[in-house]
């Protein structure tokens, strides 16, 4: 899968996703300080699913983007976030993430369709 990791995603999380065989671009490497609209545009233009802890991205969900995974694991360590995210990615086919808002918590996965 192709991902765009928002600036609030730890490097160790992006490394784990990459190591699992995914194509992931960190916003810091593309354009540090980019605003949400620019991140959403980049994700759309490169068909990348956005990974973020930022609830503000939910507003971009209905704008025809490739998908958003909102990680609501704020009190977890980056290694716990990476483990949970890899678990969720292995649990669902890519089509479940495309065009949808996927909210991941420690206990559940909520998929809001566009």
PDB file of N, CA and C in Angstrom:
ATOM      1  N   UNK A   1       0.840  -1.178   0.000  1.00  0.00           N
ATOM      2  CA  UNK A   1       0.000   0.000   0.000  1.00  0.00           C
ATOM      3  C   UNK A   1       0.887   1.244   0.000  1.00  0.00           C
ATOM      4  N   UNK A   2       0.285   2.339  -0.424  1.00  0.00           N
ATOM      5  CA  UNK A   2       1.004   3.620  -0.472  1.00  0.00           C
ATOM      6  C   UNK A   2       0.431   4.545   0.599  1.00  0.00           C
ATOM      7  N   UNK A   3       1.329   5.098   1.418  1.00  0.00           N
ATOM      8  CA  UNK A   3       0.922   5.946   2.531  1.00  0.00           C
ATOM      9  C   UNK A   3       1.657   7.278   2.498  1.00  0.00           C
ATOM     10  N   UNK A   4       1.006   8.276   3.098  1.00  0.00           N
ATOM     11  CA  UNK A   4       1.625   9.562   3.387  1.00  0.00           C
ATOM     12  C   UNK A   4       1.461   9.773   4.883  1.00  0.00           C
ATOM     13  N   UNK A   5       2.576   9.779   5.608  1.00  0.00           N
ATOM     14  CA  UNK A   5       2.550   9.909   7.057  1.00  0.00           C
ATOM     15  C   UNK A   5       2.615  11.375   7.445  1.00  0.00           C
ATOM     16  N   UNK A   6       1.601  11.829   8.165  1.00  0.00           N
ATOM     17  CA  UNK A   6       1.559  13.194   8.668  1.00  0.00           C
ATOM     18  C   UNK A   6       2.751  13.413   9.601  1.00  0.00           C
ATOM     19  N   UNK A   7       3.057  14.678   9.867  1.00  0.00           N
ATOM     20  CA  UNK A   7       4.219  14.999  10.694  1.00  0.00           C
ATOM     21  C   UNK A   7       4.109  14.475  12.124  1.00  0.00           C
ATOM     22  N   UNK A   8       2.914  14.142  12.569  1.00  0.00           N
ATOM     23  CA  UNK A   8       2.755  13.651  13.937  1.00  0.00           C
ATOM     24  C   UNK A   8       2.952  12.142  14.062  1.00  0.00           C
ATOM     25  N   UNK A   9       3.322  11.494  12.993  1.00  0.00           N
ATOM     26  CA  UNK A   9       3.610  10.056  13.012  1.00  0.00           C
ATOM     27  C   UNK A   9       5.104   9.872  13.256  1.00  0.00           C
ATOM     28  N   UNK A  10       5.440   9.106  14.283  1.00  0.00           N
ATOM     29  CA  UNK A  10       6.846   8.892  14.655  1.00  0.00           C
ATOM     30  C   UNK A  10       7.627   8.182  13.547  1.00  0.00           C
ATOM     31  N   UNK A  11       8.906   8.521  13.447  1.00  0.00           N
ATOM     32  CA  UNK A  11       9.772   7.894  12.438  1.00  0.00           C
ATOM     33  C   UNK A  11       9.807   6.377  12.601  1.00  0.00           C
ATOM     34  N   UNK A  12       9.785   5.905  13.835  1.00  0.00           N
ATOM     35  CA  UNK A  12       9.828   4.452  14.044  1.00  0.00           C
ATOM     36  C   UNK A  12       8.572   3.773  13.498  1.00  0.00           C
ATOM     37  N   UNK A  13       7.447   4.486  13.505  1.00  0.00           N
ATOM     38  CA  UNK A  13       6.212   3.942  12.933  1.00  0.00           C
ATOM     39  C   UNK A  13       6.342   3.876  11.415  1.00  0.00           C
ATOM     40  N   UNK A  14       6.825   4.950  10.794  1.00  0.00           N
ATOM     41  CA  UNK A  14       6.992   4.929   9.333  1.00  0.00           C
ATOM     42  C   UNK A  14       8.010   3.863   8.925  1.00  0.00           C
ATOM     43  N   UNK A  15       9.055   3.705   9.708  1.00  0.00           N
ATOM     44  CA  UNK A  15      10.052   2.663   9.409  1.00  0.00           C
ATOM     45  C   UNK A  15       9.430   1.269   9.466  1.00  0.00           C
ATOM     46  N   UNK A  16       8.583   1.023  10.461  1.00  0.00           N
ATOM     47  CA  UNK A  16       7.933  -0.285  10.590  1.00  0.00           C
ATOM     48  C   UNK A  16       6.999  -0.557   9.415  1.00  0.00           C
ATOM     49  N   UNK A  17       6.271   0.469   8.989  1.00  0.00           N
ATOM     50  CA  UNK A  17       5.355   0.314   7.855  1.00  0.00           C
ATOM     51  C   UNK A  17       6.153   0.035   6.577  1.00  0.00           C
ATOM     52  N   UNK A  18       7.244   0.754   6.397  1.00  0.00           N
ATOM     53  CA  UNK A  18       8.117   0.543   5.232  1.00  0.00           C
ATOM     54  C   UNK A  18       8.725  -0.857   5.261  1.00  0.00           C
ATOM     55  N   UNK A  19       9.205  -1.259   6.424  1.00  0.00           N
ATOM     56  CA  UNK A  19       9.838  -2.573   6.577  1.00  0.00           C
ATOM     57  C   UNK A  19       8.855  -3.711   6.263  1.00  0.00           C
ATOM     58  N   UNK A  20       7.564  -3.462   6.476  1.00  0.00           N
ATOM     59  CA  UNK A  20       6.536  -4.459   6.174  1.00  0.00           C
ATOM     60  C   UNK A  20       6.207  -4.526   4.680  1.00  0.00           C
ATOM     61  N   UNK A  21       6.926  -3.730   3.868  1.00  0.00           N
ATOM     62  CA  UNK A  21       6.766  -3.808   2.418  1.00  0.00           C
ATOM     63  C   UNK A  21       5.873  -2.752   1.800  1.00  0.00           C
ATOM     64  N   UNK A  22       5.533  -1.733   2.558  1.00  0.00           N
ATOM     65  CA  UNK A  22       4.681  -0.665   2.045  1.00  0.00           C
ATOM     66  C   UNK A  22       5.503   0.520   1.560  1.00  0.00           C
ATOM     67  N   UNK A  23       4.925   1.303   0.682  1.00  0.00           N
ATOM     68  CA  UNK A  23       5.532   2.541   0.184  1.00  0.00           C
ATOM     69  C   UNK A  23       4.997   3.669   1.064  1.00  0.00           C
ATOM     70  N   UNK A  24       5.871   4.286   1.840  1.00  0.00           N
ATOM     71  CA  UNK A  24       5.430   5.342   2.747  1.00  0.00           C
ATOM     72  C   UNK A  24       6.327   6.557   2.620  1.00  0.00           C
ATOM     73  N   UNK A  25       5.699   7.700   2.487  1.00  0.00           N
ATOM     74  CA  UNK A  25       6.392   8.984   2.403  1.00  0.00           C
ATOM     75  C   UNK A  25       6.030   9.786   3.639  1.00  0.00           C
ATOM     76  N   UNK A  26       7.035  10.280   4.347  1.00  0.00           N
ATOM     77  CA  UNK A  26       6.795  11.128   5.515  1.00  0.00           C
ATOM     78  C   UNK A  26       6.696  12.578   5.064  1.00  0.00           C
ATOM     79  N   UNK A  27       5.712  13.298   5.595  1.00  0.00           N
ATOM     80  CA  UNK A  27       5.532  14.702   5.248  1.00  0.00           C
ATOM     81  C   UNK A  27       6.813  15.488   5.515  1.00  0.00           C
ATOM     82  N   UNK A  28       7.541  15.159   6.586  1.00  0.00           N
ATOM     83  CA  UNK A  28       8.789  15.866   6.903  1.00  0.00           C
ATOM     84  C   UNK A  28       9.798  15.775   5.758  1.00  0.00           C
ATOM     85  N   UNK A  29       9.791  14.672   5.045  1.00  0.00           N
ATOM     86  CA  UNK A  29      10.729  14.501   3.926  1.00  0.00           C
ATOM     87  C   UNK A  29      10.239  15.202   2.668  1.00  0.00           C
ATOM     88  N   UNK A  30       8.917  15.339   2.546  1.00  0.00           N
ATOM     89  CA  UNK A  30       8.356  15.995   1.367  1.00  0.00           C
ATOM     90  C   UNK A  30       8.315  17.503   1.561  1.00  0.00           C
ATOM     91  N   UNK A  31       7.644  17.975   2.603  1.00  0.00           N
ATOM     92  CA  UNK A  31       7.537  19.411   2.853  1.00  0.00           C
ATOM     93  C   UNK A  31       7.217  19.644   4.332  1.00  0.00           C
ATOM     94  N   UNK A  32       8.251  19.795   5.117  1.00  0.00           N
ATOM     95  CA  UNK A  32       8.074  20.010   6.549  1.00  0.00           C
ATOM     96  C   UNK A  32       7.221  21.258   6.784  1.00  0.00           C
ATOM     97  N   UNK A  33       6.244  21.135   7.671  1.00  0.00           N
ATOM     98  CA  UNK A  33       5.372  22.264   7.983  1.00  0.00           C
ATOM     99  C   UNK A  33       4.191  22.426   7.046  1.00  0.00           C
ATOM    100  N   UNK A  34       3.979  21.485   6.135  1.00  0.00           N
ATOM    101  CA  UNK A  34       2.861  21.577   5.195  1.00  0.00           C
ATOM    102  C   UNK A  34       1.537  21.590   5.961  1.00  0.00           C
ATOM    103  N   UNK A  35       0.593  22.395   5.481  1.00  0.00           N
ATOM    104  CA  UNK A  35      -0.709  22.421   6.154  1.00  0.00           C
ATOM    105  C   UNK A  35      -1.563  21.235   5.693  1.00  0.00           C
ATOM    106  N   UNK A  36      -2.682  21.031   6.375  1.00  0.00           N
ATOM    107  CA  UNK A  36      -3.532  19.873   6.105  1.00  0.00           C
ATOM    108  C   UNK A  36      -4.015  19.826   4.657  1.00  0.00           C
ATOM    109  N   UNK A  37      -4.366  20.965   4.094  1.00  0.00           N
ATOM    110  CA  UNK A  37      -4.847  20.994   2.708  1.00  0.00           C
ATOM    111  C   UNK A  37      -3.759  20.532   1.739  1.00  0.00           C
ATOM    112  N   UNK A  38      -2.516  20.954   1.981  1.00  0.00           N
ATOM    113  CA  UNK A  38      -1.405  20.519   1.119  1.00  0.00           C
ATOM    114  C   UNK A  38      -1.146  19.024   1.268  1.00  0.00           C
ATOM    115  N   UNK A  39      -1.236  18.533   2.494  1.00  0.00           N
ATOM    116  CA  UNK A  39      -1.041  17.098   2.732  1.00  0.00           C
ATOM    117  C   UNK A  39      -2.133  16.306   2.025  1.00  0.00           C
ATOM    118  N   UNK A  40      -3.373  16.762   2.128  1.00  0.00           N
ATOM    119  CA  UNK A  40      -4.487  16.086   1.453  1.00  0.00           C
ATOM    120  C   UNK A  40      -4.290  16.114  -0.064  1.00  0.00           C
ATOM    121  N   UNK A  41      -3.835  17.241  -0.597  1.00  0.00           N
ATOM    122  CA  UNK A  41      -3.568  17.345  -2.036  1.00  0.00           C
ATOM    123  C   UNK A  41      -2.479  16.359  -2.459  1.00  0.00           C
ATOM    124  N   UNK A  42      -1.394  16.295  -1.696  1.00  0.00           N
ATOM    125  CA  UNK A  42      -0.288  15.384  -2.017  1.00  0.00           C
ATOM    126  C   UNK A  42      -0.774  13.935  -1.999  1.00  0.00           C
ATOM    127  N   UNK A  43      -1.548  13.593  -0.992  1.00  0.00           N
ATOM    128  CA  UNK A  43      -2.061  12.227  -0.903  1.00  0.00           C
ATOM    129  C   UNK A  43      -2.941  11.887  -2.103  1.00  0.00           C
ATOM    130  N   UNK A  44      -3.825  12.820  -2.465  1.00  0.00           N
ATOM    131  CA  UNK A  44      -4.699  12.608  -3.623  1.00  0.00           C
ATOM    132  C   UNK A  44      -3.894  12.471  -4.905  1.00  0.00           C
ATOM    133  N   UNK A  45      -2.921  13.367  -5.090  1.00  0.00           N
ATOM    134  CA  UNK A  45      -2.168  13.382  -6.345  1.00  0.00           C
ATOM    135  C   UNK A  45      -1.287  12.144  -6.522  1.00  0.00           C
ATOM    136  N   UNK A  46      -0.882  11.526  -5.414  1.00  0.00           N
ATOM    137  CA  UNK A  46      -0.028  10.332  -5.500  1.00  0.00           C
ATOM    138  C   UNK A  46      -0.751   9.062  -5.058  1.00  0.00           C
ATOM    139  N   UNK A  47      -2.072   9.174  -4.874  1.00  0.00           N
ATOM    140  CA  UNK A  47      -2.889   8.030  -4.481  1.00  0.00           C
ATOM    141  C   UNK A  47      -2.332   7.337  -3.231  1.00  0.00           C
ATOM    142  N   UNK A  48      -2.085   8.159  -2.199  1.00  0.00           N
ATOM    143  CA  UNK A  48      -1.548   7.657  -0.933  1.00  0.00           C
ATOM    144  C   UNK A  48      -2.605   7.801   0.160  1.00  0.00           C
ATOM    145  N   UNK A  49      -2.663   6.823   1.022  1.00  0.00           N
ATOM    146  CA  UNK A  49      -3.545   6.865   2.183  1.00  0.00           C
ATOM    147  C   UNK A  49      -2.833   7.666   3.269  1.00  0.00           C
ATOM    148  N   UNK A  50      -3.530   8.614   3.858  1.00  0.00           N
ATOM    149  CA  UNK A  50      -2.937   9.455   4.901  1.00  0.00           C
ATOM    150  C   UNK A  50      -2.966   8.716   6.234  1.00  0.00           C
ATOM    151  N   UNK A  51      -1.833   8.727   6.922  1.00  0.00           N
ATOM    152  CA  UNK A  51      -1.733   8.231   8.299  1.00  0.00           C
ATOM    153  C   UNK A  51      -1.570   9.443   9.196  1.00  0.00           C
ATOM    154  N   UNK A  52      -2.399   9.568  10.213  1.00  0.00           N
ATOM    155  CA  UNK A  52      -2.330  10.746  11.074  1.00  0.00           C
ATOM    156  C   UNK A  52      -2.899  10.467  12.458  1.00  0.00           C
ATOM    157  N   UNK A  53      -2.502  11.291  13.407  1.00  0.00           N
ATOM    158  CA  UNK A  53      -3.126  11.334  14.734  1.00  0.00           C
ATOM    159  C   UNK A  53      -4.060  12.541  14.820  1.00  0.00           C
ATOM    160  N   UNK A  54      -4.106  13.365  13.786  1.00  0.00           N
ATOM    161  CA  UNK A  54      -4.796  14.647  13.768  1.00  0.00           C
ATOM    162  C   UNK A  54      -6.261  14.494  13.352  1.00  0.00           C
ATOM    163  N   UNK A  55      -7.179  14.754  14.274  1.00  0.00           N
ATOM    164  CA  UNK A  55      -8.608  14.632  13.978  1.00  0.00           C
ATOM    165  C   UNK A  55      -9.079  15.617  12.926  1.00  0.00           C
ATOM    166  N   UNK A  56      -8.350  16.697  12.712  1.00  0.00           N
ATOM    167  CA  UNK A  56      -8.750  17.682  11.705  1.00  0.00           C
ATOM    168  C   UNK A  56      -8.797  17.085  10.306  1.00  0.00           C
ATOM    169  N   UNK A  57      -8.080  15.994  10.070  1.00  0.00           N
ATOM    170  CA  UNK A  57      -8.095  15.384   8.744  1.00  0.00           C
ATOM    171  C   UNK A  57      -9.443  14.762   8.406  1.00  0.00           C
ATOM    172  N   UNK A  58     -10.280  14.544   9.390  1.00  0.00           N
ATOM    173  CA  UNK A  58     -11.598  13.969   9.117  1.00  0.00           C
ATOM    174  C   UNK A  58     -12.388  14.833   8.142  1.00  0.00           C
ATOM    175  N   UNK A  59     -12.145  16.146   8.134  1.00  0.00           N
ATOM    176  CA  UNK A  59     -12.851  17.031   7.207  1.00  0.00           C
ATOM    177  C   UNK A  59     -12.461  16.768   5.755  1.00  0.00           C
ATOM    178  N   UNK A  60     -11.297  16.196   5.522  1.00  0.00           N
ATOM    179  CA  UNK A  60     -10.854  15.888   4.164  1.00  0.00           C
ATOM    180  C   UNK A  60     -11.426  14.556   3.674  1.00  0.00           C
ATOM    181  N   UNK A  61     -12.065  13.831   4.572  1.00  0.00           N
ATOM    182  CA  UNK A  61     -12.613  12.518   4.245  1.00  0.00           C
ATOM    183  C   UNK A  61     -13.616  12.568   3.103  1.00  0.00           C
ATOM    184  N   UNK A  62     -14.443  13.580   3.069  1.00  0.00           N
ATOM    185  CA  UNK A  62     -15.499  13.659   2.057  1.00  0.00           C
ATOM    186  C   UNK A  62     -15.041  14.346   0.781  1.00  0.00           C
ATOM    187  N   UNK A  63     -13.776  14.689   0.694  1.00  0.00           N
ATOM    188  CA  UNK A  63     -13.322  15.455  -0.462  1.00  0.00           C
ATOM    189  C   UNK A  63     -12.696  14.588  -1.549  1.00  0.00           C
ATOM    190  N   UNK A  64     -13.034  13.313  -1.581  1.00  0.00           N
ATOM    191  CA  UNK A  64     -12.573  12.451  -2.660  1.00  0.00           C
ATOM    192  C   UNK A  64     -11.139  11.998  -2.528  1.00  0.00           C
ATOM    193  N   UNK A  65     -10.593  12.009  -1.352  1.00  0.00           N
ATOM    194  CA  UNK A  65      -9.217  11.573  -1.138  1.00  0.00           C
ATOM    195  C   UNK A  65      -9.081  10.064  -1.202  1.00  0.00           C
ATOM    196  N   UNK A  66      -7.850   9.582  -1.210  1.00  0.00           N
ATOM    197  CA  UNK A  66      -7.611   8.150  -1.315  1.00  0.00           C
ATOM    198  C   UNK A  66      -7.868   7.386  -0.026  1.00  0.00           C
ATOM    199  N   UNK A  67      -8.065   8.077   1.078  1.00  0.00           N
ATOM    200  CA  UNK A  67      -8.344   7.429   2.352  1.00  0.00           C
ATOM    201  C   UNK A  67      -7.503   8.027   3.468  1.00  0.00           C
ATOM    202  N   UNK A  68      -8.029   7.909   4.682  1.00  0.00           N
ATOM    203  CA  UNK A  68      -7.344   8.439   5.856  1.00  0.00           C
ATOM    204  C   UNK A  68      -7.427   7.392   6.960  1.00  0.00           C
ATOM    205  N   UNK A  69      -6.294   7.102   7.567  1.00  0.00           N
ATOM    206  CA  UNK A  69      -6.276   6.275   8.759  1.00  0.00           C
ATOM    207  C   UNK A  69      -5.951   7.200   9.918  1.00  0.00           C
ATOM    208  N   UNK A  70      -6.934   7.387  10.782  1.00  0.00           N
ATOM    209  CA  UNK A  70      -6.809   8.258  11.944  1.00  0.00           C
ATOM    210  C   UNK A  70      -6.481   7.386  13.148  1.00  0.00           C
ATOM    211  N   UNK A  71      -5.282   7.551  13.666  1.00  0.00           N
ATOM    212  CA  UNK A  71      -4.814   6.749  14.785  1.00  0.00           C
ATOM    213  C   UNK A  71      -5.157   7.447  16.094  1.00  0.00           C
ATOM    214  N   UNK A  72      -6.095   6.905  16.838  1.00  0.00           N
ATOM    215  CA  UNK A  72      -6.510   7.469  18.123  1.00  0.00           C
ATOM    216  C   UNK A  72      -5.857   6.659  19.231  1.00  0.00           C
ATOM    217  N   UNK A  73      -4.532   6.632  19.222  1.00  0.00           N
ATOM    218  CA  UNK A  73      -3.721   5.879  20.170  1.00  0.00           C
ATOM    219  C   UNK A  73      -2.762   6.830  20.871  1.00  0.00           C
ATOM    220  N   UNK A  74      -3.287   7.952  21.294  1.00  0.00           N
ATOM    221  CA  UNK A  74      -2.456   9.048  21.791  1.00  0.00           C
ATOM    222  C   UNK A  74      -1.563   8.694  22.965  1.00  0.00           C
ATOM    223  N   UNK A  75      -2.001   7.819  23.853  1.00  0.00           N
ATOM    224  CA  UNK A  75      -1.198   7.514  25.032  1.00  0.00           C
ATOM    225  C   UNK A  75      -0.256   6.339  24.821  1.00  0.00           C
ATOM    226  N   UNK A  76      -0.212   5.813  23.616  1.00  0.00           N
ATOM    227  CA  UNK A  76       0.633   4.660  23.324  1.00  0.00           C
ATOM    228  C   UNK A  76       2.023   5.084  22.863  1.00  0.00           C
ATOM    229  N   UNK A  77       2.971   4.217  23.066  1.00  0.00           N
ATOM    230  CA  UNK A  77       4.327   4.452  22.572  1.00  0.00           C
ATOM    231  C   UNK A  77       4.355   4.231  21.066  1.00  0.00           C
ATOM    232  N   UNK A  78       5.339   4.794  20.373  1.00  0.00           N
ATOM    233  CA  UNK A  78       5.422   4.558  18.928  1.00  0.00           C
ATOM    234  C   UNK A  78       5.483   3.071  18.562  1.00  0.00           C
ATOM    235  N   UNK A  79       6.147   2.259  19.352  1.00  0.00           N
ATOM    236  CA  UNK A  79       6.209   0.825  19.031  1.00  0.00           C
ATOM    237  C   UNK A  79       4.830   0.171  19.150  1.00  0.00           C
ATOM    238  N   UNK A  80       4.023   0.618  20.117  1.00  0.00           N
ATOM    239  CA  UNK A  80       2.657   0.106  20.254  1.00  0.00           C
ATOM    240  C   UNK A  80       1.791   0.579  19.095  1.00  0.00           C
ATOM    241  N   UNK A  81       1.965   1.821  18.672  1.00  0.00           N
ATOM    242  CA  UNK A  81       1.229   2.351  17.518  1.00  0.00           C
ATOM    243  C   UNK A  81       1.578   1.550  16.270  1.00  0.00           C
ATOM    244  N   UNK A  82       2.867   1.299  16.049  1.00  0.00           N
ATOM    245  CA  UNK A  82       3.302   0.537  14.867  1.00  0.00           C
ATOM    246  C   UNK A  82       2.711  -0.869  14.891  1.00  0.00           C
ATOM    247  N   UNK A  83       2.755  -1.503  16.032  1.00  0.00           N
ATOM    248  CA  UNK A  83       2.223  -2.862  16.154  1.00  0.00           C
ATOM    249  C   UNK A  83       0.732  -2.888  15.861  1.00  0.00           C
ATOM    250  N   UNK A  84      -0.025  -1.949  16.423  1.00  0.00           N
ATOM    251  CA  UNK A  84      -1.475  -1.904  16.206  1.00  0.00           C
ATOM    252  C   UNK A  84      -1.799  -1.598  14.747  1.00  0.00           C
ATOM    253  N   UNK A  85      -1.072  -0.656  14.156  1.00  0.00           N
ATOM    254  CA  UNK A  85      -1.308  -0.300  12.760  1.00  0.00           C
ATOM    255  C   UNK A  85      -1.020  -1.484  11.839  1.00  0.00           C
ATOM    256  N   UNK A  86       0.073  -2.177  12.054  1.00  0.00           N
ATOM    257  CA  UNK A  86       0.392  -3.351  11.230  1.00  0.00           C
ATOM    258  C   UNK A  86      -0.665  -4.441  11.406  1.00  0.00           C
ATOM    259  N   UNK A  87      -1.190  -4.574  12.611  1.00  0.00           N
ATOM    260  CA  UNK A  87      -2.255  -5.539  12.861  1.00  0.00           C
ATOM    261  C   UNK A  87      -3.491  -5.182  12.026  1.00  0.00           C
ATOM    262  N   UNK A  88      -3.863  -3.908  12.041  1.00  0.00           N
ATOM    263  CA  UNK A  88      -5.041  -3.458  11.291  1.00  0.00           C
ATOM    264  C   UNK A  88      -4.809  -3.607   9.784  1.00  0.00           C
ATOM    265  N   UNK A  89      -3.624  -3.252   9.303  1.00  0.00           N
ATOM    266  CA  UNK A  89      -3.332  -3.378   7.874  1.00  0.00           C
ATOM    267  C   UNK A  89      -3.405  -4.834   7.420  1.00  0.00           C
ATOM    268  N   UNK A  90      -3.030  -5.753   8.299  1.00  0.00           N
ATOM    269  CA  UNK A  90      -3.109  -7.175   7.973  1.00  0.00           C
ATOM    270  C   UNK A  90      -4.510  -7.743   8.083  1.00  0.00           C
ATOM    271  N   UNK A  91      -5.365  -7.045   8.792  1.00  0.00           N
ATOM    272  CA  UNK A  91      -6.721  -7.514   9.055  1.00  0.00           C
ATOM    273  C   UNK A  91      -7.690  -7.215   7.916  1.00  0.00           C
ATOM    274  N   UNK A  92      -7.435  -6.149   7.165  1.00  0.00           N
ATOM    275  CA  UNK A  92      -8.364  -5.705   6.127  1.00  0.00           C
ATOM    276  C   UNK A  92      -7.655  -5.593   4.778  1.00  0.00           C
ATOM    277  N   UNK A  93      -8.381  -5.849   3.687  1.00  0.00           N
ATOM    278  CA  UNK A  93      -7.790  -5.625   2.362  1.00  0.00           C
ATOM    279  C   UNK A  93      -7.668  -4.119   2.103  1.00  0.00           C
ATOM    280  N   UNK A  94      -6.791  -3.764   1.199  1.00  0.00           N
ATOM    281  CA  UNK A  94      -6.539  -2.354   0.880  1.00  0.00           C
ATOM    282  C   UNK A  94      -7.813  -1.606   0.511  1.00  0.00           C
ATOM    283  N   UNK A  95      -8.751  -2.262  -0.133  1.00  0.00           N
ATOM    284  CA  UNK A  95      -9.993  -1.614  -0.557  1.00  0.00           C
ATOM    285  C   UNK A  95     -10.775  -1.023   0.622  1.00  0.00           C
ATOM    286  N   UNK A  96     -10.619  -1.582   1.804  1.00  0.00           N
ATOM    287  CA  UNK A  96     -11.324  -1.060   2.983  1.00  0.00           C
ATOM    288  C   UNK A  96     -10.796   0.316   3.391  1.00  0.00           C
ATOM    289  N   UNK A  97      -9.558   0.626   3.031  1.00  0.00           N
ATOM    290  CA  UNK A  97      -8.949   1.900   3.396  1.00  0.00           C
ATOM    291  C   UNK A  97      -9.151   2.962   2.318  1.00  0.00           C
ATOM    292  N   UNK A  98      -9.247   2.539   1.074  1.00  0.00           N
ATOM    293  CA  UNK A  98      -9.348   3.473  -0.048  1.00  0.00           C
ATOM    294  C   UNK A  98     -10.630   4.285   0.007  1.00  0.00           C
ATOM    295  N   UNK A  99     -10.482   5.609   0.046  1.00  0.00           N
ATOM    296  CA  UNK A  99     -11.629   6.512   0.016  1.00  0.00           C
ATOM    297  C   UNK A  99     -12.408   6.604   1.314  1.00  0.00           C
ATOM    298  N   UNK A 100     -11.965   5.901   2.342  1.00  0.00           N
ATOM    299  CA  UNK A 100     -12.696   5.881   3.611  1.00  0.00           C
ATOM    300  C   UNK A 100     -11.894   6.537   4.725  1.00  0.00           C
ATOM    301  N   UNK A 101     -12.596   6.897   5.778  1.00  0.00           N
ATOM    302  CA  UNK A 101     -11.970   7.346   7.009  1.00  0.00           C
ATOM    303  C   UNK A 101     -11.965   6.152   7.945  1.00  0.00           C
ATOM    304  N   UNK A 102     -10.780   5.698   8.312  1.00  0.00           N
ATOM    305  CA  UNK A 102     -10.637   4.539   9.180  1.00  0.00           C
ATOM    306  C   UNK A 102     -10.069   5.027  10.510  1.00  0.00           C
ATOM    307  N   UNK A 103     -10.838   4.854  11.563  1.00  0.00           N
ATOM    308  CA  UNK A 103     -10.431   5.304  12.894  1.00  0.00           C
ATOM    309  C   UNK A 103      -9.961   4.081  13.674  1.00  0.00           C
ATOM    310  N   UNK A 104      -8.701   4.131  14.089  1.00  0.00           N
ATOM    311  CA  UNK A 104      -8.100   3.000  14.790  1.00  0.00           C
ATOM    312  C   UNK A 104      -7.870   3.386  16.243  1.00  0.00           C
ATOM    313  N   UNK A 105      -8.442   2.602  17.152  1.00  0.00           N
ATOM    314  CA  UNK A 105      -8.179   2.754  18.578  1.00  0.00           C
ATOM    315  C   UNK A 105      -7.540   1.448  19.052  1.00  0.00           C
ATOM    316  N   UNK A 106      -7.188   1.397  20.311  1.00  0.00           N
ATOM    317  CA  UNK A 106      -6.596   0.181  20.857  1.00  0.00           C
ATOM    318  C   UNK A 106      -7.582  -0.985  20.822  1.00  0.00           C
ATOM    319  N   UNK A 107      -8.877  -0.684  20.906  1.00  0.00           N
ATOM    320  CA  UNK A 107      -9.890  -1.723  20.992  1.00  0.00           C
ATOM    321  C   UNK A 107     -10.695  -1.948  19.723  1.00  0.00           C
ATOM    322  N   UNK A 108     -10.712  -0.978  18.806  1.00  0.00           N
ATOM    323  CA  UNK A 108     -11.625  -1.114  17.668  1.00  0.00           C
ATOM    324  C   UNK A 108     -11.082  -0.447  16.406  1.00  0.00           C
ATOM    325  N   UNK A 109     -11.770  -0.777  15.317  1.00  0.00           N
ATOM    326  CA  UNK A 109     -11.534  -0.160  14.009  1.00  0.00           C
ATOM    327  C   UNK A 109     -12.898   0.257  13.478  1.00  0.00           C
ATOM    328  N   UNK A 110     -13.056   1.556  13.224  1.00  0.00           N
ATOM    329  CA  UNK A 110     -14.319   2.076  12.695  1.00  0.00           C
ATOM    330  C   UNK A 110     -14.050   2.561  11.276  1.00  0.00           C
ATOM    331  N   UNK A 111     -14.840   2.091  10.343  1.00  0.00           N
ATOM    332  CA  UNK A 111     -14.670   2.489   8.945  1.00  0.00           C
ATOM    333  C   UNK A 111     -15.876   3.331   8.543  1.00  0.00           C
ATOM    334  N   UNK A 112     -15.602   4.592   8.230  1.00  0.00           N
ATOM    335  CA  UNK A 112     -16.643   5.506   7.741  1.00  0.00           C
ATOM    336  C   UNK A 112     -16.469   5.643   6.234  1.00  0.00           C
ATOM    337  N   UNK A 113     -17.435   5.192   5.538  1.00  0.00           N
ATOM    338  CA  UNK A 113     -17.359   5.206   4.077  1.00  0.00           C
ATOM    339  C   UNK A 113     -17.653   6.588   3.530  1.00  0.00           C
ATOM    340  N   UNK A 114     -17.028   6.872   2.390  1.00  0.00           N
ATOM    341  CA  UNK A 114     -17.249   8.180   1.761  1.00  0.00           C
ATOM    342  C   UNK A 114     -18.539   8.184   0.981  1.00  0.00           C
TER     343      UNK A 114
END
